[in-house]
């Protein structure tokens, strides 16, 4: 069952999402010794990461961090999703470098984006127990105005991939054109999938996704957590529900 909660403001939304995400991760570390977090980019996600920058909230050295998608550009590019994530969260908490799994950059020495995607898929499988990907404890996803999530875009071939955990995305409708992304099967391996969306520019996409649109048309309609699928929205993003 898909749950939804609506908050009065983007600030309340990001603060609540951050607090709850920390609780989920802390409980996973307590129960299993490690936690697995998936993050993506976007304004409200960056605000959430900033609010999670609490060094004492959990044992950060036991948290595996994965990216749901990344722009396939050089490592020092301001377009990378990992740059704001580092500045807003990971530079402020005592994380374990070996557990921070950044997606490869375009200047990392791979012959193609496909090779980079395959390398990230191997890293995911290596951290999993006889599976393609770990059982992520929580995946934090944004929602694009067109309904995309991660770098799975409406009508793009990536929405139909079922036999890979990570793909190269070409001709993205949103620049830059080449990206890496987790697929629906990888996202669906998560225990919990949370969508976090704010602003009236997301209202149409939110309404379509929660209205049962096909995931090939509105990719945010696709991912489902094995234990929980939660939409956290501010009033503007929920205005067309």
Protein backbone atom coordinates (compact mmCIF):
# COMPACT_ATOMS: atom_id res chain seq x y z
CA UNK A 1 0.00 0.00 0.00
CA UNK A 2 1.23 3.47 -0.89
CA UNK A 3 1.07 5.98 1.94
CA UNK A 4 1.10 9.76 1.70
CA UNK A 5 1.63 12.56 4.17
CA UNK A 6 1.24 16.29 3.55
CA UNK A 7 3.11 19.05 5.32
CA UNK A 8 2.42 22.75 5.57
CA UNK A 9 5.77 23.83 4.17
CA UNK A 10 8.89 22.60 2.43
CA UNK A 11 10.88 23.29 5.60
CA UNK A 12 8.62 21.09 7.70
CA UNK A 13 8.71 18.44 4.99
CA UNK A 14 12.50 18.27 4.76
CA UNK A 15 13.00 18.39 8.53
CA UNK A 16 10.53 15.56 9.11
CA UNK A 17 11.90 13.43 6.28
CA UNK A 18 15.42 13.87 7.64
CA UNK A 19 14.47 12.95 11.19
CA UNK A 20 12.62 9.84 10.09
CA UNK A 21 15.36 8.73 7.71
CA UNK A 22 17.91 8.96 10.52
CA UNK A 23 15.65 6.85 12.70
CA UNK A 24 15.32 4.17 10.01
CA UNK A 25 19.08 4.07 9.47
CA UNK A 26 19.84 3.96 13.19
CA UNK A 27 17.39 1.08 13.64
CA UNK A 28 19.01 -0.82 10.75
CA UNK A 29 22.48 -0.38 12.24
CA UNK A 30 21.18 -1.55 15.61
CA UNK A 31 19.47 -4.60 14.11
CA UNK A 32 21.85 -5.66 11.33
CA UNK A 33 25.13 -3.87 12.03
CA UNK A 34 25.00 -1.84 8.83
CA UNK A 35 22.51 0.30 6.93
CA UNK A 36 22.07 1.02 3.23
CA UNK A 37 20.86 4.45 2.10
CA UNK A 38 20.13 5.56 -1.47
CA UNK A 39 20.07 9.26 -2.29
CA UNK A 40 19.43 11.36 -5.38
CA UNK A 41 19.63 15.03 -6.30
CA UNK A 42 17.21 17.94 -6.34
CA UNK A 43 16.40 20.93 -4.18
CA UNK A 44 14.14 19.31 -1.60
CA UNK A 45 16.43 16.27 -1.37
CA UNK A 46 19.39 18.56 -0.72
CA UNK A 47 17.43 20.29 2.05
CA UNK A 48 16.67 16.88 3.53
CA UNK A 49 20.33 15.85 3.41
CA UNK A 50 21.31 19.11 5.08
CA UNK A 51 18.86 18.41 7.90
CA UNK A 52 20.36 14.92 8.29
CA UNK A 53 23.82 16.34 9.08
CA UNK A 54 23.74 15.30 12.74
CA UNK A 55 26.95 13.46 13.65
CA UNK A 56 25.48 11.94 16.82
CA UNK A 57 22.24 10.71 15.25
CA UNK A 58 23.67 7.29 14.35
CA UNK A 59 26.93 5.48 13.71
CA UNK A 60 27.64 6.96 10.29
CA UNK A 61 30.67 4.70 9.87
CA UNK A 62 28.26 1.79 9.38
CA UNK A 63 26.09 3.40 6.69
CA UNK A 64 26.56 2.38 3.07
CA UNK A 65 25.57 5.29 0.82
CA UNK A 66 24.53 4.69 -2.78
CA UNK A 67 23.39 7.06 -5.49
CA UNK A 68 20.13 6.50 -7.33
CA UNK A 69 21.49 8.36 -10.33
CA UNK A 70 24.33 10.58 -11.39
CA UNK A 71 25.19 12.91 -14.24
CA UNK A 72 27.97 11.34 -16.33
CA UNK A 73 30.26 14.34 -16.29
CA UNK A 74 33.79 14.88 -14.93
CA UNK A 75 34.33 14.43 -11.20
CA UNK A 76 34.91 18.16 -10.62
CA UNK A 77 31.77 19.27 -12.46
CA UNK A 78 29.23 21.32 -10.56
CA UNK A 79 26.53 19.22 -12.25
CA UNK A 80 27.40 16.13 -10.25
CA UNK A 81 24.79 15.01 -7.69
CA UNK A 82 27.51 13.96 -5.27
CA UNK A 83 28.95 17.47 -4.86
CA UNK A 84 25.99 19.00 -2.95
CA UNK A 85 25.53 15.73 -1.06
CA UNK A 86 29.10 15.97 0.20
CA UNK A 87 28.81 19.66 1.08
CA UNK A 88 25.45 19.41 2.83
CA UNK A 89 25.84 16.09 4.63
CA UNK A 90 28.88 13.90 4.33
CA UNK A 91 31.51 16.56 4.94
CA UNK A 92 29.73 17.15 8.28
CA UNK A 93 29.44 13.62 9.64
CA UNK A 94 32.07 10.92 10.39
CA UNK A 95 31.29 8.61 7.50
CA UNK A 96 33.46 5.66 6.42
CA UNK A 97 35.00 6.51 3.00
CA UNK A 98 34.88 2.89 1.82
CA UNK A 99 31.09 2.87 2.34
CA UNK A 100 30.45 6.02 0.30
CA UNK A 101 29.73 4.55 -3.14
CA UNK A 102 29.78 7.38 -5.65
CA UNK A 103 28.80 6.59 -9.21
CA UNK A 104 31.71 6.80 -11.67
CA UNK A 105 32.54 10.12 -13.30
CA UNK A 106 33.05 10.59 -17.03
CA UNK A 107 36.80 11.04 -16.48
CA UNK A 108 37.21 7.91 -14.32
CA UNK A 109 38.79 5.92 -17.15
CA UNK A 110 35.85 3.90 -18.43
CA UNK A 111 35.51 3.39 -22.16
CA UNK A 112 31.80 4.17 -22.08
CA UNK A 113 28.91 5.05 -19.81
CA UNK A 114 27.79 1.43 -20.18
CA UNK A 115 31.09 0.23 -18.74
CA UNK A 116 30.71 2.68 -15.85
CA UNK A 117 27.19 1.42 -15.18
CA UNK A 118 28.44 -2.19 -15.20
CA UNK A 119 31.13 -1.29 -12.66
CA UNK A 120 28.58 0.25 -10.31
CA UNK A 121 26.36 -2.80 -10.73
CA UNK A 122 29.31 -4.95 -9.66
CA UNK A 123 29.84 -2.81 -6.56
CA UNK A 124 26.18 -3.18 -5.64
CA UNK A 125 26.28 -6.95 -6.08
CA UNK A 126 29.46 -7.19 -4.01
CA UNK A 127 27.68 -5.51 -1.10
CA UNK A 128 24.61 -7.75 -1.39
CA UNK A 129 23.89 -11.19 -0.01
CA UNK A 130 23.41 -13.39 -3.08
CA UNK A 131 21.44 -10.65 -4.86
CA UNK A 132 22.02 -8.02 -7.52
CA UNK A 133 21.72 -5.18 -5.02
CA UNK A 134 21.60 -4.82 -1.22
CA UNK A 135 18.25 -4.63 0.50
CA UNK A 136 18.37 -0.85 0.79
CA UNK A 137 16.89 0.32 4.07
CA UNK A 138 15.53 3.52 2.58
CA UNK A 139 15.64 5.12 -0.86
CA UNK A 140 15.06 8.88 -1.00
CA UNK A 141 13.67 9.92 -4.38
CA UNK A 142 12.63 13.25 -5.79
CA UNK A 143 9.99 13.77 -8.47
CA UNK A 144 10.62 15.72 -11.65
CA UNK A 145 7.93 17.98 -13.15
CA UNK A 146 7.65 15.41 -15.95
CA UNK A 147 7.28 12.58 -13.44
CA UNK A 148 10.81 11.22 -13.72
CA UNK A 149 12.63 9.72 -10.76
CA UNK A 150 16.34 8.97 -10.53
CA UNK A 151 17.25 9.26 -14.23
CA UNK A 152 14.30 7.19 -15.44
CA UNK A 153 12.45 9.48 -17.84
CA UNK A 154 9.00 9.17 -19.43
CA UNK A 155 9.11 7.04 -22.54
CA UNK A 156 12.84 6.35 -22.29
CA UNK A 157 14.22 2.83 -22.80
CA UNK A 158 15.44 2.71 -19.20
CA UNK A 159 11.88 2.39 -17.93
CA UNK A 160 11.66 -1.00 -19.65
CA UNK A 161 14.92 -2.51 -18.38
CA UNK A 162 14.32 -5.54 -16.16
CA UNK A 163 17.63 -7.40 -16.45
CA UNK A 164 20.09 -4.88 -14.99
CA UNK A 165 20.46 -2.93 -11.76
CA UNK A 166 22.27 0.07 -13.27
CA UNK A 167 22.00 1.54 -16.75
CA UNK A 168 23.57 4.23 -18.87
CA UNK A 169 21.02 6.84 -19.95
CA UNK A 170 21.57 8.65 -23.23
CA UNK A 171 19.72 11.60 -24.75
CA UNK A 172 18.24 12.63 -21.43
CA UNK A 173 15.51 15.24 -21.92
CA UNK A 174 17.07 17.09 -18.99
CA UNK A 175 20.73 18.12 -19.35
CA UNK A 176 23.34 16.80 -19.20
CA UNK A 177 22.37 14.19 -21.80
CA UNK A 178 24.34 11.21 -20.43
CA UNK A 179 23.65 9.78 -17.00
CA UNK A 180 23.80 6.65 -14.89
CA UNK A 181 20.73 5.39 -13.06
CA UNK A 182 19.42 2.59 -10.93
CA UNK A 183 16.59 0.70 -12.59
CA UNK A 184 13.13 -0.19 -11.36
CA UNK A 185 14.25 -3.69 -10.25
CA UNK A 186 17.07 -2.17 -8.18
CA UNK A 187 14.81 0.42 -6.56
CA UNK A 188 12.15 -2.20 -5.87
CA UNK A 189 14.68 -4.18 -3.82
CA UNK A 190 14.50 -1.52 -1.11
CA UNK A 191 12.76 -2.12 2.16
CA UNK A 192 11.36 1.42 2.00
CA UNK A 193 10.99 3.85 -0.90
CA UNK A 194 10.20 7.45 -0.05
CA UNK A 195 9.25 10.12 -2.54
CA UNK A 196 9.87 13.65 -1.31
CA UNK A 197 8.36 16.45 -3.38
CA UNK A 198 7.67 20.14 -2.85
CA UNK A 199 6.32 23.02 -4.90
CA UNK A 200 3.38 23.48 -7.23
CA UNK A 201 5.62 22.65 -10.18
CA UNK A 202 5.49 19.03 -9.05
CA UNK A 203 1.73 18.90 -8.49
CA UNK A 204 0.77 17.48 -11.88
CA UNK A 205 3.43 14.78 -11.73
CA UNK A 206 2.48 13.83 -8.17
CA UNK A 207 -1.20 13.57 -9.10
CA UNK A 208 -0.45 11.41 -12.13
CA UNK A 209 1.93 9.12 -10.25
CA UNK A 210 -0.49 8.59 -7.38
CA UNK A 211 -3.39 8.33 -9.82
CA UNK A 212 -2.09 5.07 -11.26
CA UNK A 213 -0.34 6.20 -14.43
CA UNK A 214 1.86 3.58 -16.14
CA UNK A 215 5.45 3.78 -14.96
CA UNK A 216 6.70 4.01 -18.55
CA UNK A 217 4.76 7.27 -18.83
CA UNK A 218 5.28 8.56 -15.28
CA UNK A 219 8.32 6.78 -13.84
CA UNK A 220 7.58 8.00 -10.31
CA UNK A 221 4.56 5.73 -10.39
CA UNK A 222 6.89 2.74 -10.54
CA UNK A 223 9.17 2.14 -7.54
CA UNK A 224 7.66 0.22 -4.64
CA UNK A 225 9.34 -0.59 -1.37
CA UNK A 226 9.07 -4.18 -0.17
CA UNK A 227 7.88 -2.99 3.23
CA UNK A 228 6.76 0.58 2.66
CA UNK A 229 6.19 3.13 -0.10
CA UNK A 230 5.76 6.62 1.28
CA UNK A 231 5.06 9.96 -0.39
CA UNK A 232 6.05 12.99 1.67
CA UNK A 233 4.66 16.19 0.15
CA UNK A 234 4.20 19.82 0.98
CA UNK A 235 0.80 21.37 0.38
CA UNK A 236 1.83 22.85 -2.96
CA UNK A 237 3.02 19.53 -4.38
CA UNK A 238 -0.18 17.85 -3.11
CA UNK A 239 -2.49 20.54 -4.45
CA UNK A 240 -3.88 18.45 -7.33
CA UNK A 241 -4.52 15.24 -5.43
